Amino acid sequence: MNYQQHDPPHPGELIQRTYIEPFEGITSNGIADRLGVARSTFNRLLNGKSGISPEMAVRLSEVLGSSAESWLALQESFDLYKVRQTVDTSALKRIEFDQVA
């Protein structure tokens, strides 16, 4: 089954809405400190200027929960959706491997 989410949010937006906004005592700077990354690095992620790297996924997993794989999957879903909006594949033709000698 090929599941494609319609217009998925950037993972930074999801972090902002899920882990920061609902909680009065949680700040982006506090999370950045817990992650052990520069505050500017984390703010770029929250603002959608950068994505989740494997290293960041491991850090997010330890600090916010969920698996590193799930953080990377969120990023991949977002990236694929955006690329599919811009890449023209109309001239590409599938190779029929069962017909290749």
PDB file of N, CA and C in Angstrom:
ATOM      1  N   MET A   1       0.843  -1.178   0.000  1.00  0.00           N
ATOM      2  CA  MET A   1       0.000   0.000   0.000  1.00  0.00           C
ATOM      3  C   MET A   1       0.887   1.240   0.000  1.00  0.00           C
ATOM      4  N   ASN A   2       0.580   2.166  -0.856  1.00  0.00           N
ATOM      5  CA  ASN A   2       1.364   3.396  -0.972  1.00  0.00           C
ATOM      6  C   ASN A   2       0.566   4.530  -0.350  1.00  0.00           C
ATOM      7  N   TYR A   3       0.940   4.918   0.878  1.00  0.00           N
ATOM      8  CA  TYR A   3       0.234   5.971   1.590  1.00  0.00           C
ATOM      9  C   TYR A   3       1.010   7.270   1.475  1.00  0.00           C
ATOM     10  N   GLN A   4       0.344   8.308   1.020  1.00  0.00           N
ATOM     11  CA  GLN A   4       0.975   9.620   0.914  1.00  0.00           C
ATOM     12  C   GLN A   4       0.108  10.638   1.641  1.00  0.00           C
ATOM     13  N   GLN A   5       0.677  11.270   2.641  1.00  0.00           N
ATOM     14  CA  GLN A   5      -0.047  12.279   3.382  1.00  0.00           C
ATOM     15  C   GLN A   5      -0.185  13.527   2.522  1.00  0.00           C
ATOM     16  N   HIS A   6      -1.340  14.157   2.591  1.00  0.00           N
ATOM     17  CA  HIS A   6      -1.562  15.390   1.848  1.00  0.00           C
ATOM     18  C   HIS A   6      -0.987  16.558   2.633  1.00  0.00           C
ATOM     19  N   ASP A   7      -0.044  17.248   2.024  1.00  0.00           N
ATOM     20  CA  ASP A   7       0.586  18.437   2.582  1.00  0.00           C
ATOM     21  C   ASP A   7       0.988  18.261   4.055  1.00  0.00           C
ATOM     22  N   PRO A   8       1.913  17.353   4.316  1.00  0.00           N
ATOM     23  CA  PRO A   8       2.331  17.135   5.710  1.00  0.00           C
ATOM     24  C   PRO A   8       3.054  18.362   6.258  1.00  0.00           C
ATOM     25  N   PRO A   9       2.959  18.593   7.564  1.00  0.00           N
ATOM     26  CA  PRO A   9       3.649  19.737   8.147  1.00  0.00           C
ATOM     27  C   PRO A   9       5.150  19.476   8.207  1.00  0.00           C
ATOM     28  N   HIS A  10       5.919  20.549   8.222  1.00  0.00           N
ATOM     29  CA  HIS A  10       7.354  20.413   8.471  1.00  0.00           C
ATOM     30  C   HIS A  10       7.498  19.887   9.900  1.00  0.00           C
ATOM     31  N   PRO A  11       8.459  18.991  10.137  1.00  0.00           N
ATOM     32  CA  PRO A  11       8.631  18.455  11.488  1.00  0.00           C
ATOM     33  C   PRO A  11       8.830  19.536  12.556  1.00  0.00           C
ATOM     34  N   GLY A  12       9.454  20.632  12.193  1.00  0.00           N
ATOM     35  CA  GLY A  12       9.625  21.724  13.145  1.00  0.00           C
ATOM     36  C   GLY A  12       8.299  22.310  13.596  1.00  0.00           C
ATOM     37  N   GLU A  13       7.363  22.407  12.660  1.00  0.00           N
ATOM     38  CA  GLU A  13       6.021  22.897  12.986  1.00  0.00           C
ATOM     39  C   GLU A  13       5.336  21.936  13.947  1.00  0.00           C
ATOM     40  N   LEU A  14       5.497  20.653  13.698  1.00  0.00           N
ATOM     41  CA  LEU A  14       4.917  19.634  14.561  1.00  0.00           C
ATOM     42  C   LEU A  14       5.512  19.722  15.973  1.00  0.00           C
ATOM     43  N   ILE A  15       6.816  19.899  16.068  1.00  0.00           N
ATOM     44  CA  ILE A  15       7.463  20.048  17.376  1.00  0.00           C
ATOM     45  C   ILE A  15       6.915  21.273  18.098  1.00  0.00           C
ATOM     46  N   GLN A  16       6.806  22.376  17.383  1.00  0.00           N
ATOM     47  CA  GLN A  16       6.291  23.621  17.966  1.00  0.00           C
ATOM     48  C   GLN A  16       4.882  23.407  18.518  1.00  0.00           C
ATOM     49  N   ARG A  17       3.990  22.814  17.711  1.00  0.00           N
ATOM     50  CA  ARG A  17       2.586  22.640  18.103  1.00  0.00           C
ATOM     51  C   ARG A  17       2.398  21.592  19.197  1.00  0.00           C
ATOM     52  N   THR A  18       3.227  20.556  19.189  1.00  0.00           N
ATOM     53  CA  THR A  18       3.018  19.426  20.089  1.00  0.00           C
ATOM     54  C   THR A  18       3.789  19.524  21.396  1.00  0.00           C
ATOM     55  N   TYR A  19       5.006  20.038  21.322  1.00  0.00           N
ATOM     56  CA  TYR A  19       5.882  19.985  22.489  1.00  0.00           C
ATOM     57  C   TYR A  19       6.177  21.335  23.138  1.00  0.00           C
ATOM     58  N   ILE A  20       5.836  22.436  22.465  1.00  0.00           N
ATOM     59  CA  ILE A  20       6.156  23.750  23.034  1.00  0.00           C
ATOM     60  C   ILE A  20       4.888  24.534  23.358  1.00  0.00           C
ATOM     61  N   GLU A  21       4.039  24.776  22.361  1.00  0.00           N
ATOM     62  CA  GLU A  21       2.865  25.634  22.560  1.00  0.00           C
ATOM     63  C   GLU A  21       1.931  25.186  23.689  1.00  0.00           C
ATOM     64  N   PRO A  22       1.656  23.882  23.825  1.00  0.00           N
ATOM     65  CA  PRO A  22       0.700  23.490  24.879  1.00  0.00           C
ATOM     66  C   PRO A  22       1.232  23.608  26.309  1.00  0.00           C
ATOM     67  N   PHE A  23       2.533  23.802  26.465  1.00  0.00           N
ATOM     68  CA  PHE A  23       3.128  23.760  27.796  1.00  0.00           C
ATOM     69  C   PHE A  23       3.733  25.104  28.170  1.00  0.00           C
ATOM     70  N   GLU A  24       3.292  25.631  29.282  1.00  0.00           N
ATOM     71  CA  GLU A  24       3.719  26.958  29.711  1.00  0.00           C
ATOM     72  C   GLU A  24       5.209  27.034  30.029  1.00  0.00           C
ATOM     73  N   GLY A  25       5.773  26.018  30.644  1.00  0.00           N
ATOM     74  CA  GLY A  25       7.166  26.082  31.067  1.00  0.00           C
ATOM     75  C   GLY A  25       8.176  25.562  30.067  1.00  0.00           C
ATOM     76  N   ILE A  26       7.721  25.156  28.885  1.00  0.00           N
ATOM     77  CA  ILE A  26       8.623  24.594  27.876  1.00  0.00           C
ATOM     78  C   ILE A  26       8.914  25.660  26.828  1.00  0.00           C
ATOM     79  N   THR A  27      10.207  25.877  26.567  1.00  0.00           N
ATOM     80  CA  THR A  27      10.601  26.856  25.555  1.00  0.00           C
ATOM     81  C   THR A  27      11.507  26.191  24.526  1.00  0.00           C
ATOM     82  N   SER A  28      11.609  26.817  23.382  1.00  0.00           N
ATOM     83  CA  SER A  28      12.506  26.288  22.353  1.00  0.00           C
ATOM     84  C   SER A  28      13.944  26.314  22.839  1.00  0.00           C
ATOM     85  N   ASN A  29      14.323  27.348  23.567  1.00  0.00           N
ATOM     86  CA  ASN A  29      15.688  27.423  24.094  1.00  0.00           C
ATOM     87  C   ASN A  29      15.951  26.314  25.106  1.00  0.00           C
ATOM     88  N   GLY A  30      14.964  26.016  25.931  1.00  0.00           N
ATOM     89  CA  GLY A  30      15.108  24.942  26.899  1.00  0.00           C
ATOM     90  C   GLY A  30      15.270  23.585  26.232  1.00  0.00           C
ATOM     91  N   ILE A  31      14.498  23.354  25.176  1.00  0.00           N
ATOM     92  CA  ILE A  31      14.622  22.090  24.448  1.00  0.00           C
ATOM     93  C   ILE A  31      15.971  22.018  23.750  1.00  0.00           C
ATOM     94  N   ALA A  32      16.392  23.112  23.140  1.00  0.00           N
ATOM     95  CA  ALA A  32      17.703  23.139  22.479  1.00  0.00           C
ATOM     96  C   ALA A  32      18.806  22.783  23.465  1.00  0.00           C
ATOM     97  N   ASP A  33      18.729  23.343  24.659  1.00  0.00           N
ATOM     98  CA  ASP A  33      19.728  23.050  25.686  1.00  0.00           C
ATOM     99  C   ASP A  33      19.701  21.563  26.048  1.00  0.00           C
ATOM    100  N   ARG A  34      18.509  21.008  26.210  1.00  0.00           N
ATOM    101  CA  ARG A  34      18.385  19.582  26.538  1.00  0.00           C
ATOM    102  C   ARG A  34      18.911  18.703  25.412  1.00  0.00           C
ATOM    103  N   LEU A  35      18.698  19.146  24.164  1.00  0.00           N
ATOM    104  CA  LEU A  35      19.186  18.396  23.003  1.00  0.00           C
ATOM    105  C   LEU A  35      20.703  18.471  22.871  1.00  0.00           C
ATOM    106  N   GLY A  36      21.296  19.481  23.500  1.00  0.00           N
ATOM    107  CA  GLY A  36      22.733  19.677  23.378  1.00  0.00           C
ATOM    108  C   GLY A  36      23.134  20.275  22.046  1.00  0.00           C
ATOM    109  N   VAL A  37      22.247  21.104  21.482  1.00  0.00           N
ATOM    110  CA  VAL A  37      22.534  21.773  20.211  1.00  0.00           C
ATOM    111  C   VAL A  37      22.414  23.278  20.415  1.00  0.00           C
ATOM    112  N   ALA A  38      22.991  24.011  19.495  1.00  0.00           N
ATOM    113  CA  ALA A  38      22.884  25.469  19.562  1.00  0.00           C
ATOM    114  C   ALA A  38      21.417  25.877  19.434  1.00  0.00           C
ATOM    115  N   ARG A  39      21.053  26.905  20.139  1.00  0.00           N
ATOM    116  CA  ARG A  39      19.679  27.394  20.063  1.00  0.00           C
ATOM    117  C   ARG A  39      19.316  27.805  18.656  1.00  0.00           C
ATOM    118  N   SER A  40      20.267  28.374  17.936  1.00  0.00           N
ATOM    119  CA  SER A  40      20.006  28.777  16.543  1.00  0.00           C
ATOM    120  C   SER A  40      19.748  27.558  15.664  1.00  0.00           C
ATOM    121  N   THR A  41      20.427  26.473  15.930  1.00  0.00           N
ATOM    122  CA  THR A  41      20.209  25.232  15.171  1.00  0.00           C
ATOM    123  C   THR A  41      18.789  24.738  15.364  1.00  0.00           C
ATOM    124  N   PHE A  42      18.347  24.699  16.608  1.00  0.00           N
ATOM    125  CA  PHE A  42      16.996  24.229  16.896  1.00  0.00           C
ATOM    126  C   PHE A  42      15.952  25.190  16.354  1.00  0.00           C
ATOM    127  N   ASN A  43      16.211  26.484  16.437  1.00  0.00           N
ATOM    128  CA  ASN A  43      15.257  27.461  15.896  1.00  0.00           C
ATOM    129  C   ASN A  43      15.132  27.348  14.380  1.00  0.00           C
ATOM    130  N   ARG A  44      16.226  27.027  13.685  1.00  0.00           N
ATOM    131  CA  ARG A  44      16.137  26.809  12.232  1.00  0.00           C
ATOM    132  C   ARG A  44      15.225  25.615  11.933  1.00  0.00           C
ATOM    133  N   LEU A  45      15.314  24.579  12.754  1.00  0.00           N
ATOM    134  CA  LEU A  45      14.428  23.421  12.588  1.00  0.00           C
ATOM    135  C   LEU A  45      12.978  23.836  12.834  1.00  0.00           C
ATOM    136  N   LEU A  46      12.726  24.533  13.928  1.00  0.00           N
ATOM    137  CA  LEU A  46      11.357  24.959  14.247  1.00  0.00           C
ATOM    138  C   LEU A  46      10.770  25.850  13.166  1.00  0.00           C
ATOM    139  N   ASN A  47      11.598  26.675  12.544  1.00  0.00           N
ATOM    140  CA  ASN A  47      11.127  27.610  11.520  1.00  0.00           C
ATOM    141  C   ASN A  47      11.105  27.016  10.116  1.00  0.00           C
ATOM    142  N   GLY A  48      11.428  25.732  10.007  1.00  0.00           N
ATOM    143  CA  GLY A  48      11.386  25.077   8.705  1.00  0.00           C
ATOM    144  C   GLY A  48      12.546  25.420   7.796  1.00  0.00           C
ATOM    145  N   LYS A  49      13.586  26.008   8.343  1.00  0.00           N
ATOM    146  CA  LYS A  49      14.763  26.383   7.543  1.00  0.00           C
ATOM    147  C   LYS A  49      15.746  25.229   7.412  1.00  0.00           C
ATOM    148  N   SER A  50      15.644  24.244   8.283  1.00  0.00           N
ATOM    149  CA  SER A  50      16.479  23.048   8.191  1.00  0.00           C
ATOM    150  C   SER A  50      15.624  21.841   8.546  1.00  0.00           C
ATOM    151  N   GLY A  51      16.143  20.677   8.221  1.00  0.00           N
ATOM    152  CA  GLY A  51      15.404  19.458   8.465  1.00  0.00           C
ATOM    153  C   GLY A  51      16.023  18.637   9.582  1.00  0.00           C
ATOM    154  N   ILE A  52      15.435  17.483   9.804  1.00  0.00           N
ATOM    155  CA  ILE A  52      15.914  16.574  10.835  1.00  0.00           C
ATOM    156  C   ILE A  52      16.950  15.646  10.223  1.00  0.00           C
ATOM    157  N   SER A  53      18.169  15.737  10.713  1.00  0.00           N
ATOM    158  CA  SER A  53      19.245  14.843  10.301  1.00  0.00           C
ATOM    159  C   SER A  53      19.171  13.578  11.156  1.00  0.00           C
ATOM    160  N   PRO A  54      19.879  12.521  10.766  1.00  0.00           N
ATOM    161  CA  PRO A  54      19.907  11.331  11.625  1.00  0.00           C
ATOM    162  C   PRO A  54      20.389  11.650  13.043  1.00  0.00           C
ATOM    163  N   GLU A  55      21.395  12.507  13.158  1.00  0.00           N
ATOM    164  CA  GLU A  55      21.879  12.873  14.500  1.00  0.00           C
ATOM    165  C   GLU A  55      20.795  13.584  15.300  1.00  0.00           C
ATOM    166  N   MET A  56      20.108  14.532  14.670  1.00  0.00           N
ATOM    167  CA  MET A  56      19.042  15.242  15.364  1.00  0.00           C
ATOM    168  C   MET A  56      17.910  14.285  15.724  1.00  0.00           C
ATOM    169  N   ALA A  57      17.629  13.324  14.858  1.00  0.00           N
ATOM    170  CA  ALA A  57      16.578  12.346  15.137  1.00  0.00           C
ATOM    171  C   ALA A  57      16.893  11.552  16.406  1.00  0.00           C
ATOM    172  N   VAL A  58      18.141  11.160  16.574  1.00  0.00           N
ATOM    173  CA  VAL A  58      18.550  10.433  17.778  1.00  0.00           C
ATOM    174  C   VAL A  58      18.390  11.331  19.000  1.00  0.00           C
ATOM    175  N   ARG A  59      18.786  12.578  18.883  1.00  0.00           N
ATOM    176  CA  ARG A  59      18.668  13.522  20.000  1.00  0.00           C
ATOM    177  C   ARG A  59      17.197  13.775  20.349  1.00  0.00           C
ATOM    178  N   LEU A  60      16.359  13.991  19.330  1.00  0.00           N
ATOM    179  CA  LEU A  60      14.931  14.213  19.570  1.00  0.00           C
ATOM    180  C   LEU A  60      14.288  13.003  20.231  1.00  0.00           C
ATOM    181  N   SER A  61      14.691  11.829  19.807  1.00  0.00           N
ATOM    182  CA  SER A  61      14.161  10.599  20.379  1.00  0.00           C
ATOM    183  C   SER A  61      14.442  10.530  21.883  1.00  0.00           C
ATOM    184  N   GLU A  62      15.647  10.882  22.264  1.00  0.00           N
ATOM    185  CA  GLU A  62      16.024  10.832  23.682  1.00  0.00           C
ATOM    186  C   GLU A  62      15.324  11.910  24.509  1.00  0.00           C
ATOM    187  N   VAL A  63      15.149  13.092  23.951  1.00  0.00           N
ATOM    188  CA  VAL A  63      14.622  14.226  24.710  1.00  0.00           C
ATOM    189  C   VAL A  63      13.095  14.327  24.646  1.00  0.00           C
ATOM    190  N   LEU A  64      12.511  14.119  23.467  1.00  0.00           N
ATOM    191  CA  LEU A  64      11.067  14.292  23.303  1.00  0.00           C
ATOM    192  C   LEU A  64      10.301  12.977  23.247  1.00  0.00           C
ATOM    193  N   GLY A  65      11.006  11.883  22.998  1.00  0.00           N
ATOM    194  CA  GLY A  65      10.332  10.592  22.869  1.00  0.00           C
ATOM    195  C   GLY A  65      10.167  10.217  21.413  1.00  0.00           C
ATOM    196  N   SER A  66       9.458   9.139  21.166  1.00  0.00           N
ATOM    197  CA  SER A  66       9.305   8.525  19.843  1.00  0.00           C
ATOM    198  C   SER A  66      10.661   7.996  19.392  1.00  0.00           C
ATOM    199  N   SER A  67      10.650   7.199  18.365  1.00  0.00           N
ATOM    200  CA  SER A  67      11.902   6.614  17.889  1.00  0.00           C
ATOM    201  C   SER A  67      12.601   7.563  16.919  1.00  0.00           C
ATOM    202  N   ALA A  68      13.899   7.375  16.784  1.00  0.00           N
ATOM    203  CA  ALA A  68      14.651   8.158  15.799  1.00  0.00           C
ATOM    204  C   ALA A  68      14.097   7.897  14.408  1.00  0.00           C
ATOM    205  N   GLU A  69      13.703   6.654  14.158  1.00  0.00           N
ATOM    206  CA  GLU A  69      13.127   6.300  12.855  1.00  0.00           C
ATOM    207  C   GLU A  69      11.853   7.081  12.570  1.00  0.00           C
ATOM    208  N   SER A  70      11.031   7.291  13.594  1.00  0.00           N
ATOM    209  CA  SER A  70       9.781   8.031  13.364  1.00  0.00           C
ATOM    210  C   SER A  70      10.060   9.505  13.073  1.00  0.00           C
ATOM    211  N   TRP A  71      11.083  10.082  13.713  1.00  0.00           N
ATOM    212  CA  TRP A  71      11.450  11.468  13.406  1.00  0.00           C
ATOM    213  C   TRP A  71      11.958  11.581  11.974  1.00  0.00           C
ATOM    214  N   LEU A  72      12.776  10.621  11.552  1.00  0.00           N
ATOM    215  CA  LEU A  72      13.276  10.645  10.167  1.00  0.00           C
ATOM    216  C   LEU A  72      12.146  10.419   9.169  1.00  0.00           C
ATOM    217  N   ALA A  73      11.185   9.577   9.528  1.00  0.00           N
ATOM    218  CA  ALA A  73      10.044   9.329   8.641  1.00  0.00           C
ATOM    219  C   ALA A  73       9.220  10.596   8.445  1.00  0.00           C
ATOM    220  N   LEU A  74       9.056  11.378   9.498  1.00  0.00           N
ATOM    221  CA  LEU A  74       8.342  12.659   9.362  1.00  0.00           C
ATOM    222  C   LEU A  74       9.053  13.577   8.373  1.00  0.00           C
ATOM    223  N   GLN A  75      10.380  13.644   8.503  1.00  0.00           N
ATOM    224  CA  GLN A  75      11.158  14.491   7.600  1.00  0.00           C
ATOM    225  C   GLN A  75      11.067  13.987   6.167  1.00  0.00           C
ATOM    226  N   GLU A  76      11.178  12.673   6.003  1.00  0.00           N
ATOM    227  CA  GLU A  76      11.112  12.090   4.660  1.00  0.00           C
ATOM    228  C   GLU A  76       9.753  12.333   4.017  1.00  0.00           C
ATOM    229  N   SER A  77       8.694  12.190   4.772  1.00  0.00           N
ATOM    230  CA  SER A  77       7.347  12.431   4.249  1.00  0.00           C
ATOM    231  C   SER A  77       7.207  13.878   3.779  1.00  0.00           C
ATOM    232  N   PHE A  78       7.699  14.805   4.577  1.00  0.00           N
ATOM    233  CA  PHE A  78       7.647  16.218   4.214  1.00  0.00           C
ATOM    234  C   PHE A  78       8.466  16.483   2.951  1.00  0.00           C
ATOM    235  N   ASP A  79       9.703  15.969   2.926  1.00  0.00           N
ATOM    236  CA  ASP A  79      10.594  16.198   1.782  1.00  0.00           C
ATOM    237  C   ASP A  79      10.012  15.620   0.493  1.00  0.00           C
ATOM    238  N   LEU A  80       9.495  14.400   0.552  1.00  0.00           N
ATOM    239  CA  LEU A  80       8.923  13.779  -0.645  1.00  0.00           C
ATOM    240  C   LEU A  80       7.708  14.549  -1.144  1.00  0.00           C
ATOM    241  N   TYR A  81       6.864  14.992  -0.241  1.00  0.00           N
ATOM    242  CA  TYR A  81       5.704  15.765  -0.663  1.00  0.00           C
ATOM    243  C   TYR A  81       6.140  17.024  -1.400  1.00  0.00           C
ATOM    244  N   LYS A  82       7.104  17.750  -0.836  1.00  0.00           N
ATOM    245  CA  LYS A  82       7.557  18.988  -1.471  1.00  0.00           C
ATOM    246  C   LYS A  82       8.190  18.720  -2.834  1.00  0.00           C
ATOM    247  N   VAL A  83       8.993  17.687  -2.943  1.00  0.00           N
ATOM    248  CA  VAL A  83       9.641  17.362  -4.220  1.00  0.00           C
ATOM    249  C   VAL A  83       8.599  16.963  -5.262  1.00  0.00           C
ATOM    250  N   ARG A  84       7.611  16.203  -4.849  1.00  0.00           N
ATOM    251  CA  ARG A  84       6.569  15.786  -5.803  1.00  0.00           C
ATOM    252  C   ARG A  84       5.776  16.963  -6.351  1.00  0.00           C
ATOM    253  N   GLN A  85       5.797  18.091  -5.642  1.00  0.00           N
ATOM    254  CA  GLN A  85       5.112  19.289  -6.121  1.00  0.00           C
ATOM    255  C   GLN A  85       5.898  19.991  -7.221  1.00  0.00           C
ATOM    256  N   THR A  86       7.200  19.704  -7.331  1.00  0.00           N
ATOM    257  CA  THR A  86       8.044  20.468  -8.257  1.00  0.00           C
ATOM    258  C   THR A  86       8.703  19.646  -9.362  1.00  0.00           C
ATOM    259  N   VAL A  87       8.864  18.343  -9.172  1.00  0.00           N
ATOM    260  CA  VAL A  87       9.562  17.525 -10.171  1.00  0.00           C
ATOM    261  C   VAL A  87       8.573  17.058 -11.237  1.00  0.00           C
ATOM    262  N   ASP A  88       8.895  17.353 -12.484  1.00  0.00           N
ATOM    263  CA  ASP A  88       8.068  16.934 -13.613  1.00  0.00           C
ATOM    264  C   ASP A  88       8.534  15.559 -14.082  1.00  0.00           C
ATOM    265  N   THR A  89       7.697  14.553 -13.889  1.00  0.00           N
ATOM    266  CA  THR A  89       8.042  13.183 -14.294  1.00  0.00           C
ATOM    267  C   THR A  89       7.267  12.733 -15.528  1.00  0.00           C
ATOM    268  N   SER A  90       6.581  13.658 -16.177  1.00  0.00           N
ATOM    269  CA  SER A  90       5.716  13.286 -17.302  1.00  0.00           C
ATOM    270  C   SER A  90       6.482  12.672 -18.471  1.00  0.00           C
ATOM    271  N   ALA A  91       7.740  13.025 -18.646  1.00  0.00           N
ATOM    272  CA  ALA A  91       8.524  12.481 -19.765  1.00  0.00           C
ATOM    273  C   ALA A  91       9.264  11.193 -19.392  1.00  0.00           C
ATOM    274  N   LEU A  92       9.161  10.766 -18.155  1.00  0.00           N
ATOM    275  CA  LEU A  92       9.863   9.558 -17.715  1.00  0.00           C
ATOM    276  C   LEU A  92       9.036   8.323 -18.013  1.00  0.00           C
ATOM    277  N   LYS A  93       9.693   7.273 -18.450  1.00  0.00           N
ATOM    278  CA  LYS A  93       9.007   6.017 -18.782  1.00  0.00           C
ATOM    279  C   LYS A  93       9.576   4.889 -17.941  1.00  0.00           C
ATOM    280  N   ARG A  94       8.699   4.076 -17.385  1.00  0.00           N
ATOM    281  CA  ARG A  94       9.096   2.947 -16.560  1.00  0.00           C
ATOM    282  C   ARG A  94       9.735   1.858 -17.415  1.00  0.00           C
ATOM    283  N   ILE A  95      10.779   1.237 -16.895  1.00  0.00           N
ATOM    284  CA  ILE A  95      11.412   0.094 -17.560  1.00  0.00           C
ATOM    285  C   ILE A  95      10.570  -1.135 -17.234  1.00  0.00           C
ATOM    286  N   GLU A  96      10.197  -1.874 -18.252  1.00  0.00           N
ATOM    287  CA  GLU A  96       9.446  -3.124 -18.079  1.00  0.00           C
ATOM    288  C   GLU A  96      10.436  -4.260 -18.006  1.00  0.00           C
ATOM    289  N   PHE A  97      10.867  -4.627 -16.814  1.00  0.00           N
ATOM    290  CA  PHE A  97      11.920  -5.605 -16.617  1.00  0.00           C
ATOM    291  C   PHE A  97      11.548  -6.998 -17.105  1.00  0.00           C
ATOM    292  N   ASP A  98      10.259  -7.337 -17.065  1.00  0.00           N
ATOM    293  CA  ASP A  98       9.863  -8.660 -17.532  1.00  0.00           C
ATOM    294  C   ASP A  98       9.973  -8.795 -19.050  1.00  0.00           C
ATOM    295  N   GLN A  99      10.160  -7.679 -19.751  1.00  0.00           N
ATOM    296  CA  GLN A  99      10.293  -7.708 -21.205  1.00  0.00           C
ATOM    297  C   GLN A  99      11.737  -7.529 -21.667  1.00  0.00           C
ATOM    298  N   VAL A 100      12.664  -7.322 -20.738  1.00  0.00           N
ATOM    299  CA  VAL A 100      14.081  -7.160 -21.088  1.00  0.00           C
ATOM    300  C   VAL A 100      14.704  -8.528 -21.199  1.00  0.00           C
ATOM    301  N   ALA A 101      15.415  -8.747 -22.307  1.00  0.00           N
ATOM    302  CA  ALA A 101      16.039 -10.060 -22.514  1.00  0.00           C
ATOM    303  C   ALA A 101      17.348 -10.182 -21.794  1.00  0.00           C
TER     304      ALA A 101
END
